[in-house]
Structure formats: structure tokens, C-alpha cells
Amino acid sequence: MNNQTPSPSNLLPTELPLAFRAQMQTLLGEELPSFEAALVQEPPVSIRINPRKRVLDTESLERVPWCAEGFYLPERPSFTLDPLFQAGAYYVQEASSMLLDEALRQTVKLERPLRVLDLCAAPGGKSTLLASALHPESLLICNEVIRSRVPVLRENIDKWGYPNVVVSNHDPEEFGNLNGFFDVVVVDAPCSGEGLFRKDHQAVQEWSEANVQLCSARQKRILLAAAPLIDQGGILIYSTCTYNDAENDDNLRYLAQNGFRGRRLNLPAEWKIEERQTTDGAFGYQCYPHRVKGEGFFISVFQKTGFTPAVKLNARTFRTIRQLRPRETAQAAQWLKTPTEYSFWEKPNQDVIALPKALEKDFLFLDNALRNKGFGLDMGVFKGSDFIPAHALALSTAIAEKLPAVSLPREDALRYFKKENLSLSEPAKGWLLARYEGLNIGWMKGVGNRVNNYLPKDWRIRMDIREL
């Protein structure tokens, strides 16, 4: 479970594809040598902190200018061997892509509950940013098309710990029964990855003009599916990690000609982010690695002017979950900080989930509307008269604060993440939260002086913890 970004590959400017270099010459002119020089430098390391798990000391860290919760690190640590990273205290995110935060704050009314879709969500960087920025009673759906990428998305969402999030696995066209449902749709589109060349040598090797056109066509297909999902007046945010017109400006023109108008952002000149404007009145914002402390990134914001009839919510039709009986509800409720704000349900596989009552109608509607999804706070499962709590519950920001817990030093916390059983100085019995620097990291069960480790097998770190 290593979420670290690959290290730079000592890319030399002479290794750049000739057609790509010609493209950048057209875009940058005399700045091309500076751009090429940036590609052989160490990329900056940046993180974004979780505002509901604020334990990191950021006093001495340099801020990312366009994201209040983004910070640069002076060097790259081993994130896998940091228990705070495993607990969801922060997310390792490329700084330029945090520009989404500023785009949201300038164009979206974040002080009210919204329905938001992150259509191409894995591994979860922009989803966790959205979760942090949105009103707590907003509904956020994080969708990933590729099934093999869903587990890492689910893991990162669980670490972040917000109960108002849905993780789904659908092709964009399969959202057709949610037309007009969303206030905001974010499309961080699959692309040719030009902006990641210094971090990913394979992206250089895979680049071709034909692949750029293939990506552009795929992006238009995604945008075609996304457009009707947005309510009139709603916002569509489109982004890529590229520089070329085919994947950026051409798609802006496509949206501007099909029921959307561009929204201009007010970005300070000292940020050195280039504004690009199309003849159709759309605006794009381009980050270049030789101008900003980040990678290549492009973002644009649109407001929907056309009308799409919205779906009507009906949560009374067939659903896959059943509401818990009063006795079961009482047992499950004791694990949450504010249990009266939730209703409790059981899935067909007997897993218990908690739904925020403010979003219950939406969640029950989505139970019908989406086939491949996971929603609600995963609480655990009843085994006879016992309740086995879920790992996601331990990491949730909704968990009760006065549950039995044991604070672990760093070495024991890492042993926990290796899925080793620990010994305690004092005998313990029953369920215990393992904590590190005030944050929950998972469950243990006390059996005398020994405790059993309930970290999920798939979350076990495989690195040697002696690499400290």
C-alpha cells in the first residue's frame, strides 16, 4: 500500500518527442529552454491537510498559494512509514492540481449543501479536496470507471473519514438516469499526461500525436455524458495534466458551443498561471513547471445555460438495504459522536451502514439509481450478540470520542500497520481504538496483556519499518 509518487527519472530535454517539443516551442517561444530545464529538476513535494484531522504542525511550511490547506515539504519523506498519513491527516497531492480549490471558491456557493460528482475520481486527490471544501451536508459521489482503480479510491476516501461520500464504479454514460441531479460535476479527464513528464518517464515514452487525438476524443465523450447531469445554472469543472490545444482549448470550445458559458477566474499575477481564452468566450488556466512550484496542469470552469429536465427523487421503490430494528440501532448508535443525526441500515451482505439523515433521501434514491456503489459510513457487522466495528469507522470523523483507546508510540503504530499483534503494559479486554498523536489508526481487541490486530489485510504495509 505505497501511495508515494514515483521519483523523477532523470529526463533529459533531448529525450522529449520531437513533435511534443515543437508543440511547446509554439506555446512557449523563448521560454522553451526554461521549461526543459524544469523537467530535469526535482519536483516539489506538496501535501494537503485534512481540516477535520488537523494535527500536523504547519507553522514552518510554505503554503501553496491557491489552496489554504496545501503546503510544500522541504524534502520527500517516506509517506508509507508515517502513521499520520495512514490515518488520513493529509493527502499527498501535486500542488498545481490544488488549483481546483480556488476554482471552487470563486464559482461555487460552498456555504450551502450541494450535490457534487467527481466523474473520474481515482486515486482520490480531487475527491478528498472536494469533501473538505463542501458544506458538510453536501452529497459527494466519487466515480471511477476502471474497476481495478476503485480499491485505492475507496481506501483514500475511508482514510479521509467523511460520511457524506459515495464511491461508485460506472462508465460516464451509465449516469443517464441522474440527468439534472448535480450542482457541480468535476471532470479531471484521462489525458496524455504531458504535465507529468518529469515525474513519469513512461508518460514520455507513451506520448504520440495519435495518442493526444485519442485522448481528446475520449474527453469529448466524457463531457458529452457529463453535460446533461448538471442542473441549469450548475458548474462543470474540466481539468487535465496536459498543455496541448486538442485536449484543452478544443474541448473548451466544444463546451462553449453546447449549452455552457465560460467562467473567468481572478488569479493574482504573482501566481504566474497563464490565462487562455478561446474565441467562444471560454477561459482556461495553465500551470507550467518553470513558472509555478508544481507540475503541468490545466483547469477551466463552465456554467450550464441549457436546461435538462431533472430526475424526480423517489426513495420508496425497490432498495437493497433494510433499516435496523430498534435494538440493533441502539447497539450501533453508541459508536457515533452524534447518533441522532444518522439512520442505520443493513446491506445484503449484512454490513451495517450509517446514513446522515440530512442526506437519507438522496442516498436511498441512489440505491436504485446506481448499481455499483458503496455509500454511507461503514459501521461494521453483527456477529450474534456482538458487533464487530469496521476499519472505516475507526478512521471516520463521525466516530464517538470517548471509546476505549490506547495511544501508541511511532514504532508500535508502524508495527500495527505491519499487522503485527501488540502487547500492552496494562491488561485490556474488548474493542480498543489504536491511536497515534491523537488520531485513530484502527481497531484492536484486548485479550489480557495481548491485543489482536484488526487492520484489514489489504491495508498492511510491506515496507521494512527499520527504514526510519
Protein backbone atom coordinates (compact mmCIF):
# COMPACT_ATOMS: atom_id res chain seq x y z
CA MET A 1 0.00 0.00 0.00
CA ASN A 2 2.50 2.58 -1.19
CA ASN A 3 0.88 5.80 -2.36
CA GLN A 4 4.11 7.67 -2.93
CA THR A 5 4.62 9.47 -6.21
CA PRO A 6 7.31 7.94 -8.43
CA SER A 7 10.67 9.72 -8.21
CA PRO A 8 11.93 11.69 -11.22
CA SER A 9 13.52 9.69 -14.00
CA ASN A 10 16.47 11.97 -14.93
CA LEU A 11 14.62 13.01 -18.04
CA LEU A 12 16.78 14.96 -20.49
CA PRO A 13 15.28 17.55 -22.84
CA THR A 14 16.77 15.68 -25.81
CA GLU A 15 14.57 12.71 -24.89
CA LEU A 16 11.38 14.68 -25.48
CA PRO A 17 9.44 13.59 -28.58
CA LEU A 18 10.21 15.99 -31.43
CA ALA A 19 6.53 16.69 -32.12
CA PHE A 20 5.95 17.49 -28.43
CA ARG A 21 8.96 19.79 -28.38
CA ALA A 22 7.67 21.60 -31.47
CA GLN A 23 4.28 21.97 -29.79
CA MET A 24 5.87 23.50 -26.69
CA GLN A 25 8.00 25.80 -28.86
CA THR A 26 4.77 27.19 -30.32
CA LEU A 27 3.20 27.60 -26.89
CA LEU A 28 6.21 28.99 -25.02
CA GLY A 29 8.52 30.56 -27.59
CA GLU A 30 11.72 31.80 -25.93
CA GLU A 31 10.66 30.21 -22.62
CA LEU A 32 11.19 26.70 -24.01
CA PRO A 33 14.74 26.30 -22.55
CA SER A 34 13.41 27.24 -19.09
CA PHE A 35 10.61 24.70 -19.47
CA GLU A 36 13.06 21.99 -20.49
CA ALA A 37 15.38 22.86 -17.63
CA ALA A 38 12.48 22.47 -15.17
CA LEU A 39 11.92 18.91 -16.37
CA VAL A 40 15.29 17.76 -15.04
CA GLN A 41 14.85 19.34 -11.62
CA GLU A 42 13.50 17.52 -8.58
CA PRO A 43 9.73 18.06 -8.47
CA PRO A 44 8.36 19.90 -5.43
CA VAL A 45 6.69 17.79 -2.73
CA SER A 46 3.32 19.01 -1.50
CA ILE A 47 0.58 17.80 0.80
CA ARG A 48 -2.95 18.93 1.62
CA ILE A 49 -4.07 18.58 5.22
CA ASN A 50 -7.41 17.17 6.36
CA PRO A 51 -9.24 20.06 8.09
CA ARG A 52 -11.13 17.64 10.35
CA LYS A 53 -7.94 15.85 11.42
CA ARG A 54 -5.77 18.88 11.98
CA VAL A 55 -2.81 17.56 13.95
CA LEU A 56 0.15 18.47 11.74
CA ASP A 57 2.35 21.39 12.69
CA THR A 58 2.43 23.51 9.52
CA GLU A 59 3.89 26.65 11.11
CA SER A 60 7.24 26.39 9.32
CA LEU A 61 5.91 25.07 6.00
CA GLU A 62 5.50 27.10 2.81
CA ARG A 63 1.87 27.40 1.73
CA VAL A 64 0.55 26.50 -1.72
CA PRO A 65 -0.74 29.95 -2.82
CA TRP A 66 -4.07 28.76 -4.27
CA CYS A 67 -5.07 26.29 -1.54
CA ALA A 68 -5.28 27.26 2.14
CA GLU A 69 -4.78 23.65 3.24
CA GLY A 70 -1.89 22.94 0.83
CA PHE A 71 1.75 23.01 1.93
CA TYR A 72 5.15 22.30 0.41
CA LEU A 73 7.57 20.00 2.23
CA PRO A 74 11.31 20.76 2.21
CA GLU A 75 12.08 17.16 1.24
CA ARG A 76 10.25 13.94 0.43
CA PRO A 77 9.77 11.67 3.46
CA SER A 78 8.63 8.06 3.39
CA PHE A 79 4.88 8.67 3.48
CA THR A 80 4.13 4.98 3.78
CA LEU A 81 6.02 4.91 7.08
CA ASP A 82 4.15 7.91 8.51
CA PRO A 83 1.22 6.81 10.74
CA LEU A 84 -0.38 10.26 10.28
CA PHE A 85 -0.55 9.68 6.53
CA GLN A 86 -2.12 6.27 7.12
CA ALA A 87 -4.64 7.90 9.49
CA GLY A 88 -5.79 10.41 6.87
CA ALA A 89 -4.26 13.52 8.45
CA TYR A 90 -3.13 14.65 5.00
CA TYR A 91 -3.10 13.66 1.34
CA VAL A 92 -0.01 13.76 -0.86
CA GLN A 93 -1.17 15.87 -3.80
CA GLU A 94 0.62 17.67 -6.59
CA ALA A 95 0.40 21.43 -5.90
CA SER A 96 -0.82 22.61 -9.31
CA SER A 97 -3.85 20.32 -9.16
CA MET A 98 -4.88 22.01 -5.90
CA LEU A 99 -5.94 24.94 -8.10
CA LEU A 100 -9.31 23.18 -8.05
CA ASP A 101 -9.78 24.63 -4.55
CA GLU A 102 -9.51 28.21 -5.79
CA ALA A 103 -11.75 27.48 -8.78
CA LEU A 104 -14.44 26.13 -6.44
CA ARG A 105 -14.26 29.08 -4.07
CA GLN A 106 -14.63 31.61 -6.89
CA THR A 107 -17.51 29.94 -8.74
CA VAL A 108 -19.49 27.70 -6.34
CA LYS A 109 -21.66 28.65 -3.34
CA LEU A 110 -19.90 26.41 -0.86
CA GLU A 111 -21.86 27.70 2.13
CA ARG A 112 -24.92 25.61 1.18
CA PRO A 113 -25.43 21.84 0.66
CA LEU A 114 -24.73 20.71 -2.91
CA ARG A 115 -24.83 17.56 -4.98
CA VAL A 116 -21.39 17.02 -6.49
CA LEU A 117 -19.97 14.37 -8.83
CA ASP A 118 -16.26 13.70 -9.31
CA LEU A 119 -16.63 11.70 -12.50
CA CYS A 120 -13.02 10.44 -12.91
CA ALA A 121 -12.02 10.20 -9.28
CA ALA A 122 -9.22 7.66 -8.60
CA PRO A 123 -6.93 7.77 -6.74
CA GLY A 124 -8.90 10.38 -4.78
CA GLY A 125 -6.88 13.60 -4.60
CA LYS A 126 -9.57 15.86 -6.00
CA SER A 127 -12.32 13.89 -4.23
CA THR A 128 -10.76 14.49 -0.82
CA LEU A 129 -10.25 18.15 -1.73
CA LEU A 130 -13.93 18.40 -2.66
CA ALA A 131 -15.00 16.67 0.55
CA SER A 132 -13.01 19.22 2.58
CA ALA A 133 -14.32 22.25 0.69
CA LEU A 134 -18.02 21.35 0.56
CA HIS A 135 -20.74 22.07 3.11
CA PRO A 136 -20.91 19.02 5.45
CA GLU A 137 -24.46 18.24 4.31
CA SER A 138 -23.41 18.07 0.67
CA LEU A 139 -23.58 14.80 -1.25
CA LEU A 140 -20.34 13.83 -2.99
CA ILE A 141 -20.18 10.96 -5.47
CA CYS A 142 -16.66 9.81 -6.38
CA ASN A 143 -16.79 7.68 -9.50
CA GLU A 144 -14.07 5.62 -11.13
CA VAL A 145 -14.57 3.88 -14.47
CA ILE A 146 -11.72 1.36 -14.16
CA ARG A 147 -12.63 -1.33 -11.64
CA SER A 148 -9.03 -2.07 -10.63
CA ARG A 149 -8.60 1.56 -9.51
CA VAL A 150 -11.65 1.56 -7.22
CA PRO A 151 -9.92 -0.05 -4.16
CA VAL A 152 -7.31 2.72 -3.86
CA LEU A 153 -10.07 5.32 -4.23
CA ARG A 154 -12.12 3.58 -1.54
CA GLU A 155 -9.08 3.40 0.75
CA ASN A 156 -8.29 7.10 0.40
CA ILE A 157 -11.93 8.08 0.97
CA ASP A 158 -12.06 5.87 4.09
CA LYS A 159 -8.87 7.49 5.39
CA TRP A 160 -10.32 10.97 4.88
CA GLY A 161 -13.24 9.92 7.07
CA TYR A 162 -16.24 11.92 5.80
CA PRO A 163 -19.67 10.18 5.97
CA ASN A 164 -21.35 12.07 3.10
CA VAL A 165 -19.45 10.35 0.29
CA VAL A 166 -20.45 7.70 -2.27
CA VAL A 167 -17.86 5.65 -4.19
CA SER A 168 -19.14 4.25 -7.49
CA ASN A 169 -17.78 2.27 -10.44
CA HIS A 170 -19.64 3.27 -13.62
CA ASP A 171 -18.95 4.40 -17.13
CA PRO A 172 -19.99 8.06 -17.57
CA GLU A 173 -22.84 7.05 -19.89
CA GLU A 174 -24.34 4.93 -17.10
CA PHE A 175 -25.26 8.05 -15.11
CA GLY A 176 -28.03 8.90 -17.60
CA ASN A 177 -30.79 8.34 -15.05
CA LEU A 178 -29.29 11.17 -12.94
CA ASN A 179 -29.78 13.92 -15.51
CA GLY A 180 -30.13 17.34 -13.91
CA PHE A 181 -29.28 15.90 -10.48
CA PHE A 182 -25.95 17.64 -9.79
CA ASP A 183 -25.00 21.19 -8.87
CA VAL A 184 -21.32 20.57 -9.67
CA VAL A 185 -19.57 17.99 -11.86
CA VAL A 186 -15.78 17.74 -11.90
CA VAL A 187 -14.15 16.05 -14.90
CA ASP A 188 -10.44 15.53 -14.27
CA ALA A 189 -10.15 13.79 -17.60
CA PRO A 190 -7.85 10.91 -18.54
CA CYS A 191 -5.20 12.53 -20.72
CA SER A 192 -1.83 12.12 -22.41
CA GLY A 193 -0.06 13.20 -19.20
CA GLU A 194 2.24 15.83 -20.72
CA GLY A 195 2.26 17.75 -17.46
CA LEU A 196 3.72 14.79 -15.57
CA PHE A 197 6.75 14.16 -17.77
CA ARG A 198 9.36 14.90 -15.11
CA LYS A 199 7.61 12.59 -12.62
CA ASP A 200 6.75 9.77 -15.00
CA HIS A 201 9.20 8.70 -17.69
CA GLN A 202 6.69 6.20 -19.04
CA ALA A 203 4.35 9.07 -19.96
CA VAL A 204 7.10 10.42 -22.21
CA GLN A 205 7.56 7.07 -23.90
CA GLU A 206 3.82 6.65 -24.45
CA TRP A 207 3.28 10.15 -25.87
CA SER A 208 2.39 10.50 -29.54
CA GLU A 209 0.28 12.85 -31.63
CA ALA A 210 -2.08 9.94 -32.30
CA ASN A 211 -2.50 9.33 -28.57
CA VAL A 212 -3.24 13.01 -28.00
CA GLN A 213 -6.07 12.82 -30.54
CA LEU A 214 -7.32 9.59 -28.97
CA CYS A 215 -7.39 11.26 -25.54
CA SER A 216 -9.16 14.31 -26.94
CA ALA A 217 -11.89 12.13 -28.45
CA ARG A 218 -12.29 10.22 -25.16
CA GLN A 219 -12.54 13.50 -23.26
CA LYS A 220 -15.30 14.77 -25.54
CA ARG A 221 -17.21 11.52 -24.96
CA ILE A 222 -16.92 12.02 -21.20
CA LEU A 223 -18.00 15.66 -21.45
CA LEU A 224 -20.95 14.66 -23.65
CA ALA A 225 -22.09 12.28 -20.90
CA ALA A 226 -21.39 14.78 -18.11
CA ALA A 227 -23.24 17.76 -19.61
CA PRO A 228 -26.85 16.57 -19.03
CA LEU A 229 -26.10 15.53 -15.44
CA ILE A 230 -25.81 19.17 -14.36
CA ASP A 231 -28.79 21.26 -13.33
CA GLN A 232 -29.33 24.56 -15.12
CA GLY A 233 -27.02 27.16 -13.61
CA GLY A 234 -24.76 24.42 -12.26
CA ILE A 235 -20.98 24.27 -12.63
CA LEU A 236 -18.76 21.97 -14.69
CA ILE A 237 -15.04 21.99 -13.90
CA TYR A 238 -12.77 20.44 -16.52
CA SER A 239 -9.08 19.72 -15.96
CA THR A 240 -6.17 17.81 -17.48
CA CYS A 241 -2.43 17.31 -16.92
CA THR A 242 -1.59 18.49 -20.43
CA TYR A 243 -0.62 21.57 -22.42
CA ASN A 244 -1.91 20.91 -25.97
CA ASP A 245 -4.91 22.54 -27.66
CA ALA A 246 -6.57 19.26 -28.67
CA GLU A 247 -7.09 18.18 -25.06
CA ASN A 248 -7.63 21.65 -23.62
CA ASP A 249 -8.77 24.56 -25.81
CA ASP A 250 -10.65 22.40 -28.31
CA ASN A 251 -12.69 20.88 -25.50
CA LEU A 252 -13.39 24.35 -24.09
CA ARG A 253 -14.78 25.39 -27.45
CA TYR A 254 -16.87 22.21 -27.56
CA LEU A 255 -18.48 23.05 -24.19
CA ALA A 256 -18.97 26.73 -25.05
CA GLN A 257 -20.90 25.69 -28.17
CA ASN A 258 -23.08 23.16 -26.33
CA GLY A 259 -25.05 24.83 -23.55
CA PHE A 260 -22.26 26.21 -21.32
CA ARG A 261 -20.62 29.59 -20.80
CA GLY A 262 -17.09 30.05 -19.54
CA ARG A 263 -16.44 31.45 -16.06
CA ARG A 264 -13.41 33.65 -15.65
CA LEU A 265 -11.23 33.29 -12.57
CA ASN A 266 -9.44 36.17 -10.85
CA LEU A 267 -5.93 34.85 -10.22
CA PRO A 268 -3.13 37.10 -8.91
CA ALA A 269 -0.41 37.82 -11.45
CA GLU A 270 2.28 36.71 -8.99
CA TRP A 271 0.96 33.15 -9.20
CA LYS A 272 2.27 33.08 -12.82
CA ILE A 273 -0.63 30.93 -14.04
CA GLU A 274 -1.37 31.63 -17.70
CA GLU A 275 -4.91 32.54 -18.73
CA ARG A 276 -6.02 31.23 -22.11
CA GLN A 277 -9.21 32.46 -23.78
CA THR A 278 -10.97 30.92 -26.76
CA THR A 279 -12.93 32.79 -29.41
CA ASP A 280 -16.11 31.28 -27.91
CA GLY A 281 -15.61 33.07 -24.58
CA ALA A 282 -14.18 30.15 -22.58
CA PHE A 283 -11.29 30.56 -20.18
CA GLY A 284 -8.56 28.07 -19.35
CA TYR A 285 -5.78 28.33 -16.78
CA GLN A 286 -2.44 26.68 -17.45
CA CYS A 287 0.30 25.86 -14.96
CA TYR A 288 3.82 25.36 -16.34
CA PRO A 289 6.55 23.77 -14.17
CA HIS A 290 9.07 26.53 -14.95
CA ARG A 291 6.64 29.22 -13.78
CA VAL A 292 4.89 27.68 -10.79
CA LYS A 293 6.06 25.44 -7.99
CA GLY A 294 4.21 22.45 -9.37
CA GLU A 295 3.63 20.31 -12.44
CA GLY A 296 1.79 20.96 -15.70
CA PHE A 297 -1.94 21.35 -15.06
CA PHE A 298 -4.89 22.90 -16.91
CA ILE A 299 -8.29 23.84 -15.48
CA SER A 300 -11.42 25.57 -16.77
CA VAL A 301 -14.81 26.37 -15.26
CA PHE A 302 -18.18 26.49 -17.04
CA GLN A 303 -21.72 27.33 -16.01
CA LYS A 304 -24.60 25.48 -17.61
CA THR A 305 -27.00 27.73 -19.52
CA GLY A 306 -29.09 24.99 -21.15
CA PHE A 307 -31.94 23.14 -19.47
CA THR A 308 -32.12 19.41 -18.73
CA PRO A 309 -35.24 18.01 -17.02
CA ALA A 310 -34.15 16.88 -13.56
CA VAL A 311 -34.90 13.43 -12.20
CA LYS A 312 -37.56 13.18 -9.51
CA LEU A 313 -36.44 11.57 -6.29
CA ASN A 314 -38.36 8.50 -5.26
CA ALA A 315 -36.79 6.61 -2.39
CA ARG A 316 -39.77 4.31 -1.88
CA THR A 317 -39.13 1.97 -4.78
CA PHE A 318 -37.03 -1.21 -4.54
CA ARG A 319 -33.90 -0.86 -2.43
CA THR A 320 -31.15 -3.23 -1.42
CA ILE A 321 -30.79 -2.16 2.23
CA ARG A 322 -33.07 -2.63 5.23
CA GLN A 323 -33.38 -0.33 8.23
CA LEU A 324 -32.10 -1.74 11.51
CA ARG A 325 -34.54 -2.76 14.22
CA PRO A 326 -34.64 -0.52 17.35
CA ARG A 327 -32.48 -2.88 19.42
CA GLU A 328 -29.85 -3.11 16.67
CA THR A 329 -29.99 0.66 16.16
CA ALA A 330 -29.28 1.27 19.85
CA GLN A 331 -26.25 -1.01 19.68
CA ALA A 332 -24.86 0.63 16.54
CA ALA A 333 -25.61 4.19 17.66
CA GLN A 334 -23.26 4.07 20.65
CA TRP A 335 -20.25 4.11 18.30
CA LEU A 336 -21.04 7.57 16.87
CA LYS A 337 -20.46 11.07 18.24
CA THR A 338 -23.92 12.40 17.26
CA PRO A 339 -26.03 9.26 16.60
CA THR A 340 -29.33 11.17 16.36
CA GLU A 341 -28.05 12.68 13.09
CA TYR A 342 -27.90 9.22 11.44
CA SER A 343 -30.17 6.37 10.46
CA PHE A 344 -28.83 2.81 10.49
CA TRP A 345 -29.21 0.19 7.76
CA GLU A 346 -28.02 -3.29 6.82
CA LYS A 347 -26.76 -4.26 3.36
CA PRO A 348 -27.48 -7.66 1.76
CA ASN A 349 -24.03 -8.88 2.88
CA GLN A 350 -25.03 -7.93 6.47
CA ASP A 351 -22.65 -4.98 6.72
CA VAL A 352 -24.17 -2.16 8.78
CA ILE A 353 -24.00 1.42 7.44
CA ALA A 354 -24.99 4.78 8.89
CA LEU A 355 -26.64 7.38 6.66
CA PRO A 356 -26.65 11.09 7.57
CA LYS A 357 -30.34 11.92 7.98
CA ALA A 358 -29.85 15.17 6.07
CA LEU A 359 -28.93 13.06 3.02
CA GLU A 360 -31.04 9.96 3.64
CA LYS A 361 -33.48 10.65 0.79
CA ASP A 362 -30.62 11.15 -1.67
CA PHE A 363 -28.81 8.01 -0.52
CA LEU A 364 -31.93 5.86 -0.81
CA PHE A 365 -32.58 7.25 -4.27
CA LEU A 366 -29.00 6.43 -5.31
CA ASP A 367 -29.51 2.89 -4.02
CA ASN A 368 -31.84 2.50 -7.01
CA ALA A 369 -30.07 4.77 -9.46
CA LEU A 370 -26.55 3.30 -9.26
CA ARG A 371 -25.73 -0.39 -9.49
CA ASN A 372 -22.05 -0.48 -8.48
CA LYS A 373 -21.64 1.76 -5.47
CA GLY A 374 -20.76 1.93 -1.81
CA PHE A 375 -22.34 4.64 0.33
CA GLY A 376 -22.85 5.63 3.91
CA LEU A 377 -20.47 5.21 6.82
CA ASP A 378 -19.35 1.58 7.07
CA MET A 379 -20.07 0.74 10.71
CA GLY A 380 -19.32 -2.99 10.96
CA VAL A 381 -21.30 -6.21 11.25
CA PHE A 382 -23.35 -8.05 13.87
CA LYS A 383 -22.00 -11.48 14.83
CA GLY A 384 -24.56 -13.00 17.17
CA SER A 385 -24.87 -10.63 20.11
CA ASP A 386 -21.55 -8.94 19.32
CA PHE A 387 -20.85 -6.02 17.00
CA ILE A 388 -17.58 -6.11 15.02
CA PRO A 389 -16.63 -2.49 14.14
CA ALA A 390 -15.33 -1.68 10.64
CA HIS A 391 -11.92 -0.13 9.94
CA ALA A 392 -13.65 2.76 8.16
CA LEU A 393 -15.49 3.55 11.39
CA ALA A 394 -12.19 3.89 13.26
CA LEU A 395 -10.98 6.48 10.71
CA SER A 396 -14.30 8.33 10.44
CA THR A 397 -14.65 11.88 11.69
CA ALA A 398 -18.12 10.85 12.96
CA ILE A 399 -16.87 8.27 15.50
CA ALA A 400 -17.63 8.73 19.21
CA GLU A 401 -14.80 10.46 21.05
CA LYS A 402 -14.90 8.56 24.36
CA LEU A 403 -14.48 4.99 23.17
CA PRO A 404 -11.71 2.94 24.85
CA ALA A 405 -8.40 3.75 23.19
CA VAL A 406 -4.66 3.18 23.52
CA SER A 407 -2.06 5.72 22.37
CA LEU A 408 0.85 4.07 20.57
CA PRO A 409 4.39 5.34 20.07
CA ARG A 410 5.57 5.52 16.46
CA GLU A 411 7.33 2.16 16.45
CA ASP A 412 4.22 0.36 17.76
CA ALA A 413 1.99 2.29 15.34
CA LEU A 414 4.15 1.05 12.46
CA ARG A 415 4.04 -2.48 13.85
CA TYR A 416 0.26 -2.09 13.87
CA PHE A 417 0.36 -1.19 10.17
CA LYS A 418 2.53 -4.26 9.57
CA LYS A 419 -0.45 -6.15 11.08
CA GLU A 420 1.56 -7.45 13.99
CA ASN A 421 -0.11 -8.18 17.32
CA LEU A 422 0.99 -5.88 20.13
CA SER A 423 1.48 -6.29 23.86
CA LEU A 424 0.20 -3.70 26.32
CA SER A 425 1.66 -2.76 29.68
CA GLU A 426 -1.80 -2.98 31.26
CA PRO A 427 -4.33 -5.80 30.66
CA ALA A 428 -7.16 -4.84 28.30
CA LYS A 429 -10.37 -6.50 27.25
CA GLY A 430 -12.71 -5.80 24.36
CA TRP A 431 -12.51 -3.36 21.47
CA LEU A 432 -9.84 -0.66 21.61
CA LEU A 433 -9.00 2.16 19.24
CA ALA A 434 -5.32 2.32 18.35
CA ARG A 435 -4.25 5.95 18.29
CA TYR A 436 -1.19 7.85 17.20
CA GLU A 437 -0.69 11.51 18.14
CA GLY A 438 -4.40 11.83 18.90
CA LEU A 439 -5.67 10.26 15.66
CA ASN A 440 -7.37 6.89 15.38
CA ILE A 441 -5.48 4.45 13.18
CA GLY A 442 -7.62 1.30 13.57
CA TRP A 443 -9.08 -1.34 15.87
CA MET A 444 -7.52 -3.78 18.28
CA LYS A 445 -9.22 -6.26 20.58
CA GLY A 446 -7.81 -6.82 24.03
CA VAL A 447 -7.22 -10.38 25.27
CA GLY A 448 -5.37 -9.98 28.56
CA ASN A 449 -1.91 -8.48 28.04
CA ARG A 450 -2.10 -9.19 24.31
CA VAL A 451 -4.22 -7.40 21.72
CA ASN A 452 -5.32 -8.76 18.36
CA ASN A 453 -4.74 -6.50 15.38
CA TYR A 454 -7.84 -5.87 13.21
CA LEU A 455 -6.18 -3.88 10.45
CA PRO A 456 -7.63 -5.12 7.11
CA LYS A 457 -5.13 -7.36 5.30
CA ASP A 458 -5.18 -5.21 2.18
CA TRP A 459 -4.05 -2.18 4.20
CA ARG A 460 -0.91 -3.85 5.57
CA ILE A 461 2.31 -2.01 4.69
CA ARG A 462 5.04 -4.19 3.23
CA MET A 463 7.99 -1.84 3.62
CA ASP A 464 10.65 -2.65 6.21
CA ILE A 465 9.81 -0.47 9.22
CA ARG A 466 13.51 -0.32 10.03
CA GLU A 467 13.72 2.23 7.18
CA LEU A 468 13.11 5.05 9.66
